[in-house]
Amino acid sequence: MVDRTHKELTEDDIAEIARTYHAWRGESKDGEYEDQPGFCKSSTLEDIKANDYVLTPGRYVGAAPLEDDGIPFETKMADLTATLYGQMDEAENLDRAIRKNLEVLGYGE
């Protein structure tokens, strides 16, 4: 990923897109086209009309299924919450240090 919203395509990515396109067109030797949640969907005009002709891919493609890592939701939330609170405490400490440094430089409130 280049960033959160941009991905640099690899040769494998490009090949997969090309295979999928050719399968969708019925030109593939690798098999028939199949919708893949999170990657591709062949939508009908009725589907598009039902979405008020909005062509945002997520409305049609959906999300890829998530793999279950076996960790219960409650455990994940407890860990994430503890991490978040730790980061919030660190942010408060950094904020105080920055304010103190600004005051030393004569730019305090």
N, C-alpha and C. Protein backbone atom coordinates (compact mmCIF):
# COMPACT_ATOMS: atom_id res chain seq x y z
N MET A 1 0.84 -1.18 0.00
CA MET A 1 0.00 0.00 0.00
C MET A 1 0.89 1.25 0.00
N VAL A 2 0.58 2.15 -0.88
CA VAL A 2 1.27 3.43 -0.90
C VAL A 2 0.82 4.24 0.31
N ASP A 3 -0.48 4.26 0.55
CA ASP A 3 -1.06 4.82 1.77
C ASP A 3 -2.39 4.12 2.00
N ARG A 4 -3.19 4.64 2.92
CA ARG A 4 -4.42 3.96 3.31
C ARG A 4 -5.40 3.77 2.15
N THR A 5 -5.37 4.66 1.17
CA THR A 5 -6.34 4.62 0.08
C THR A 5 -5.73 4.31 -1.28
N HIS A 6 -4.43 4.11 -1.34
CA HIS A 6 -3.78 3.85 -2.62
C HIS A 6 -2.89 2.62 -2.53
N LYS A 7 -3.02 1.75 -3.51
CA LYS A 7 -2.21 0.54 -3.55
C LYS A 7 -1.44 0.51 -4.86
N GLU A 8 -0.16 0.22 -4.77
CA GLU A 8 0.64 0.06 -5.97
C GLU A 8 0.47 -1.38 -6.43
N LEU A 9 -0.01 -1.56 -7.66
CA LEU A 9 -0.29 -2.89 -8.17
C LEU A 9 1.00 -3.64 -8.51
N THR A 10 1.06 -4.89 -8.09
CA THR A 10 2.19 -5.75 -8.44
C THR A 10 1.88 -6.43 -9.76
N GLU A 11 2.87 -7.12 -10.30
CA GLU A 11 2.65 -7.89 -11.53
C GLU A 11 1.55 -8.94 -11.31
N ASP A 12 1.55 -9.57 -10.13
CA ASP A 12 0.52 -10.57 -9.81
C ASP A 12 -0.86 -9.93 -9.75
N ASP A 13 -0.95 -8.73 -9.17
CA ASP A 13 -2.23 -8.02 -9.11
C ASP A 13 -2.75 -7.75 -10.52
N ILE A 14 -1.87 -7.25 -11.38
CA ILE A 14 -2.25 -6.93 -12.75
C ILE A 14 -2.69 -8.18 -13.49
N ALA A 15 -1.97 -9.28 -13.29
CA ALA A 15 -2.34 -10.54 -13.94
C ALA A 15 -3.70 -11.02 -13.45
N GLU A 16 -3.98 -10.89 -12.15
CA GLU A 16 -5.27 -11.31 -11.62
C GLU A 16 -6.40 -10.46 -12.19
N ILE A 17 -6.18 -9.17 -12.31
CA ILE A 17 -7.19 -8.28 -12.89
C ILE A 17 -7.44 -8.67 -14.35
N ALA A 18 -6.38 -8.91 -15.09
CA ALA A 18 -6.52 -9.29 -16.50
C ALA A 18 -7.25 -10.62 -16.64
N ARG A 19 -6.89 -11.62 -15.81
CA ARG A 19 -7.57 -12.92 -15.86
C ARG A 19 -9.06 -12.76 -15.56
N THR A 20 -9.36 -11.96 -14.55
CA THR A 20 -10.75 -11.76 -14.16
C THR A 20 -11.52 -11.08 -15.28
N TYR A 21 -10.92 -10.08 -15.89
CA TYR A 21 -11.58 -9.37 -17.00
C TYR A 21 -11.85 -10.33 -18.16
N HIS A 22 -10.84 -11.10 -18.54
CA HIS A 22 -11.03 -12.03 -19.66
C HIS A 22 -12.05 -13.11 -19.34
N ALA A 23 -12.09 -13.56 -18.09
CA ALA A 23 -13.10 -14.53 -17.68
C ALA A 23 -14.49 -13.89 -17.77
N TRP A 24 -14.61 -12.65 -17.33
CA TRP A 24 -15.88 -11.94 -17.39
C TRP A 24 -16.36 -11.79 -18.83
N ARG A 25 -15.42 -11.56 -19.74
CA ARG A 25 -15.75 -11.43 -21.16
C ARG A 25 -16.00 -12.78 -21.82
N GLY A 26 -15.72 -13.87 -21.10
CA GLY A 26 -15.89 -15.20 -21.67
C GLY A 26 -14.73 -15.62 -22.55
N GLU A 27 -13.58 -14.96 -22.38
CA GLU A 27 -12.42 -15.20 -23.23
C GLU A 27 -11.30 -15.94 -22.49
N SER A 28 -11.61 -16.47 -21.31
CA SER A 28 -10.55 -17.05 -20.49
C SER A 28 -10.44 -18.55 -20.66
N LYS A 29 -9.20 -19.01 -20.65
CA LYS A 29 -8.93 -20.45 -20.65
C LYS A 29 -8.80 -20.95 -19.22
N ASP A 30 -8.77 -20.01 -18.27
CA ASP A 30 -8.56 -20.35 -16.86
C ASP A 30 -9.85 -20.64 -16.11
N GLY A 31 -10.98 -20.62 -16.78
CA GLY A 31 -12.24 -20.90 -16.11
C GLY A 31 -13.24 -19.79 -16.31
N GLU A 32 -14.42 -20.00 -15.74
CA GLU A 32 -15.49 -19.02 -15.87
C GLU A 32 -15.40 -17.94 -14.81
N TYR A 33 -15.99 -16.80 -15.13
CA TYR A 33 -16.02 -15.67 -14.21
C TYR A 33 -16.87 -16.00 -13.00
N GLU A 34 -16.41 -15.56 -11.83
CA GLU A 34 -17.19 -15.64 -10.60
C GLU A 34 -17.01 -14.34 -9.83
N ASP A 35 -18.12 -13.84 -9.25
CA ASP A 35 -18.02 -12.68 -8.37
C ASP A 35 -17.14 -13.05 -7.18
N GLN A 36 -16.32 -12.09 -6.73
CA GLN A 36 -15.46 -12.30 -5.57
C GLN A 36 -15.65 -11.12 -4.61
N PRO A 37 -16.29 -11.37 -3.45
CA PRO A 37 -16.50 -10.27 -2.51
C PRO A 37 -15.19 -9.53 -2.21
N GLY A 38 -15.26 -8.21 -2.28
CA GLY A 38 -14.08 -7.40 -2.01
C GLY A 38 -13.20 -7.18 -3.22
N PHE A 39 -13.50 -7.88 -4.35
CA PHE A 39 -12.65 -7.73 -5.53
C PHE A 39 -13.46 -7.39 -6.78
N CYS A 40 -14.49 -8.19 -7.10
CA CYS A 40 -15.23 -7.95 -8.33
C CYS A 40 -16.66 -8.48 -8.23
N LYS A 41 -17.53 -7.83 -9.00
CA LYS A 41 -18.92 -8.28 -9.10
C LYS A 41 -19.46 -7.81 -10.44
N SER A 42 -20.14 -8.69 -11.13
CA SER A 42 -20.80 -8.34 -12.37
C SER A 42 -22.23 -7.94 -12.03
N SER A 43 -22.49 -6.65 -12.03
CA SER A 43 -23.80 -6.13 -11.63
C SER A 43 -24.70 -5.95 -12.84
N THR A 44 -25.98 -6.13 -12.62
CA THR A 44 -26.96 -5.92 -13.68
C THR A 44 -27.40 -4.46 -13.69
N LEU A 45 -28.05 -4.07 -14.77
CA LEU A 45 -28.58 -2.72 -14.86
C LEU A 45 -29.62 -2.49 -13.76
N GLU A 46 -30.35 -3.55 -13.40
CA GLU A 46 -31.33 -3.43 -12.31
C GLU A 46 -30.63 -3.13 -10.98
N ASP A 47 -29.48 -3.79 -10.74
CA ASP A 47 -28.69 -3.51 -9.53
C ASP A 47 -28.28 -2.04 -9.49
N ILE A 48 -27.81 -1.55 -10.62
CA ILE A 48 -27.33 -0.17 -10.70
C ILE A 48 -28.49 0.81 -10.51
N LYS A 49 -29.62 0.51 -11.13
CA LYS A 49 -30.81 1.35 -10.96
C LYS A 49 -31.25 1.37 -9.50
N ALA A 50 -31.22 0.21 -8.84
CA ALA A 50 -31.61 0.12 -7.43
C ALA A 50 -30.72 0.98 -6.54
N ASN A 51 -29.49 1.25 -6.99
CA ASN A 51 -28.55 2.10 -6.26
C ASN A 51 -28.54 3.52 -6.82
N ASP A 52 -29.65 3.91 -7.48
CA ASP A 52 -29.78 5.26 -8.04
C ASP A 52 -28.64 5.62 -8.98
N TYR A 53 -28.15 4.63 -9.70
CA TYR A 53 -27.09 4.80 -10.70
C TYR A 53 -25.77 5.28 -10.11
N VAL A 54 -25.62 5.14 -8.81
CA VAL A 54 -24.35 5.47 -8.16
C VAL A 54 -23.41 4.29 -8.39
N LEU A 55 -22.23 4.56 -8.93
CA LEU A 55 -21.31 3.49 -9.32
C LEU A 55 -20.16 3.28 -8.34
N THR A 56 -20.35 3.67 -7.10
CA THR A 56 -19.33 3.45 -6.07
C THR A 56 -19.11 1.94 -5.92
N PRO A 57 -17.90 1.45 -6.15
CA PRO A 57 -17.66 0.00 -6.15
C PRO A 57 -18.14 -0.72 -4.90
N GLY A 58 -17.97 -0.10 -3.73
CA GLY A 58 -18.35 -0.76 -2.49
C GLY A 58 -19.82 -1.13 -2.41
N ARG A 59 -20.66 -0.41 -3.14
CA ARG A 59 -22.10 -0.73 -3.14
C ARG A 59 -22.37 -2.07 -3.81
N TYR A 60 -21.48 -2.50 -4.65
CA TYR A 60 -21.69 -3.71 -5.43
C TYR A 60 -20.74 -4.84 -5.02
N VAL A 61 -19.48 -4.50 -4.88
CA VAL A 61 -18.45 -5.51 -4.62
C VAL A 61 -18.51 -6.02 -3.18
N GLY A 62 -18.80 -5.12 -2.25
CA GLY A 62 -18.83 -5.51 -0.85
C GLY A 62 -17.43 -5.62 -0.29
N ALA A 63 -17.32 -6.30 0.82
CA ALA A 63 -16.03 -6.46 1.50
C ALA A 63 -15.58 -7.90 1.43
N ALA A 64 -14.28 -8.07 1.38
CA ALA A 64 -13.73 -9.42 1.41
C ALA A 64 -13.99 -10.04 2.77
N PRO A 65 -14.26 -11.33 2.80
CA PRO A 65 -14.48 -11.97 4.10
C PRO A 65 -13.23 -11.89 4.97
N LEU A 66 -13.43 -11.65 6.25
CA LEU A 66 -12.31 -11.57 7.19
C LEU A 66 -12.02 -12.95 7.75
N GLU A 67 -10.74 -13.22 7.90
CA GLU A 67 -10.35 -14.49 8.51
C GLU A 67 -10.49 -14.38 10.02
N ASP A 68 -11.04 -15.40 10.63
CA ASP A 68 -11.17 -15.44 12.08
C ASP A 68 -9.83 -15.84 12.67
N ASP A 69 -9.27 -14.95 13.50
CA ASP A 69 -7.98 -15.25 14.11
C ASP A 69 -8.11 -16.01 15.42
N GLY A 70 -9.35 -16.31 15.80
CA GLY A 70 -9.57 -17.10 17.00
C GLY A 70 -9.55 -16.31 18.30
N ILE A 71 -9.27 -15.01 18.21
CA ILE A 71 -9.24 -14.18 19.42
C ILE A 71 -10.64 -13.60 19.62
N PRO A 72 -11.25 -13.83 20.78
CA PRO A 72 -12.60 -13.32 21.03
C PRO A 72 -12.65 -11.79 20.93
N PHE A 73 -13.78 -11.29 20.47
CA PHE A 73 -13.97 -9.85 20.30
C PHE A 73 -13.68 -9.09 21.59
N GLU A 74 -14.18 -9.61 22.71
CA GLU A 74 -13.99 -8.93 24.00
C GLU A 74 -12.51 -8.77 24.33
N THR A 75 -11.72 -9.79 24.03
CA THR A 75 -10.28 -9.74 24.28
C THR A 75 -9.62 -8.69 23.39
N LYS A 76 -10.00 -8.68 22.11
CA LYS A 76 -9.45 -7.69 21.18
C LYS A 76 -9.79 -6.27 21.65
N MET A 77 -11.05 -6.07 22.02
CA MET A 77 -11.47 -4.73 22.45
C MET A 77 -10.74 -4.30 23.72
N ALA A 78 -10.55 -5.22 24.65
CA ALA A 78 -9.82 -4.88 25.88
C ALA A 78 -8.39 -4.48 25.56
N ASP A 79 -7.73 -5.24 24.68
CA ASP A 79 -6.35 -4.92 24.28
C ASP A 79 -6.29 -3.58 23.55
N LEU A 80 -7.20 -3.38 22.60
CA LEU A 80 -7.20 -2.13 21.84
C LEU A 80 -7.51 -0.93 22.73
N THR A 81 -8.43 -1.10 23.66
CA THR A 81 -8.77 -0.02 24.58
C THR A 81 -7.59 0.33 25.47
N ALA A 82 -6.90 -0.68 25.98
CA ALA A 82 -5.72 -0.44 26.82
C ALA A 82 -4.65 0.30 26.02
N THR A 83 -4.44 -0.11 24.78
CA THR A 83 -3.46 0.57 23.92
C THR A 83 -3.88 2.01 23.68
N LEU A 84 -5.15 2.22 23.39
CA LEU A 84 -5.65 3.57 23.14
C LEU A 84 -5.47 4.47 24.36
N TYR A 85 -5.83 3.97 25.55
CA TYR A 85 -5.66 4.77 26.76
C TYR A 85 -4.18 5.10 27.00
N GLY A 86 -3.31 4.16 26.74
CA GLY A 86 -1.87 4.42 26.87
C GLY A 86 -1.42 5.50 25.91
N GLN A 87 -1.91 5.46 24.68
CA GLN A 87 -1.56 6.48 23.70
C GLN A 87 -2.14 7.84 24.08
N MET A 88 -3.34 7.84 24.65
CA MET A 88 -3.93 9.10 25.08
C MET A 88 -3.13 9.71 26.23
N ASP A 89 -2.67 8.87 27.16
CA ASP A 89 -1.82 9.36 28.26
C ASP A 89 -0.53 9.95 27.71
N GLU A 90 0.07 9.24 26.75
CA GLU A 90 1.31 9.73 26.14
C GLU A 90 1.06 11.05 25.42
N ALA A 91 -0.08 11.17 24.75
CA ALA A 91 -0.41 12.42 24.06
C ALA A 91 -0.52 13.58 25.05
N GLU A 92 -1.14 13.33 26.21
CA GLU A 92 -1.25 14.38 27.24
C GLU A 92 0.13 14.80 27.72
N ASN A 93 1.02 13.83 27.95
CA ASN A 93 2.38 14.15 28.40
C ASN A 93 3.12 14.96 27.34
N LEU A 94 2.99 14.56 26.09
CA LEU A 94 3.66 15.30 25.01
C LEU A 94 3.08 16.70 24.88
N ASP A 95 1.77 16.83 25.03
CA ASP A 95 1.13 18.14 24.97
C ASP A 95 1.68 19.07 26.05
N ARG A 96 1.80 18.54 27.28
CA ARG A 96 2.35 19.35 28.37
C ARG A 96 3.79 19.76 28.07
N ALA A 97 4.59 18.83 27.55
CA ALA A 97 5.99 19.14 27.23
C ALA A 97 6.08 20.20 26.14
N ILE A 98 5.23 20.10 25.14
CA ILE A 98 5.25 21.09 24.05
C ILE A 98 4.85 22.46 24.58
N ARG A 99 3.79 22.51 25.41
CA ARG A 99 3.36 23.79 25.99
C ARG A 99 4.47 24.41 26.85
N LYS A 100 5.14 23.56 27.63
CA LYS A 100 6.23 24.05 28.48
C LYS A 100 7.35 24.63 27.61
N ASN A 101 7.72 23.93 26.55
CA ASN A 101 8.78 24.41 25.66
C ASN A 101 8.38 25.71 24.97
N LEU A 102 7.12 25.83 24.59
CA LEU A 102 6.65 27.08 23.98
C LEU A 102 6.72 28.23 24.97
N GLU A 103 6.38 27.96 26.24
CA GLU A 103 6.47 29.00 27.27
C GLU A 103 7.91 29.45 27.46
N VAL A 104 8.83 28.47 27.49
CA VAL A 104 10.26 28.79 27.65
C VAL A 104 10.72 29.69 26.50
N LEU A 105 10.17 29.47 25.31
CA LEU A 105 10.54 30.27 24.15
C LEU A 105 9.78 31.59 24.07
N GLY A 106 8.88 31.81 25.04
CA GLY A 106 8.14 33.07 25.07
C GLY A 106 6.84 33.05 24.27
N TYR A 107 6.35 31.87 23.94
CA TYR A 107 5.12 31.77 23.16
C TYR A 107 3.99 31.09 23.93
N GLY A 108 4.07 31.13 25.25
CA GLY A 108 3.04 30.49 26.06
C GLY A 108 1.77 31.31 26.12
N GLU A 109 0.75 30.69 26.67
CA GLU A 109 -0.55 31.37 26.78
C GLU A 109 -0.57 32.26 27.99
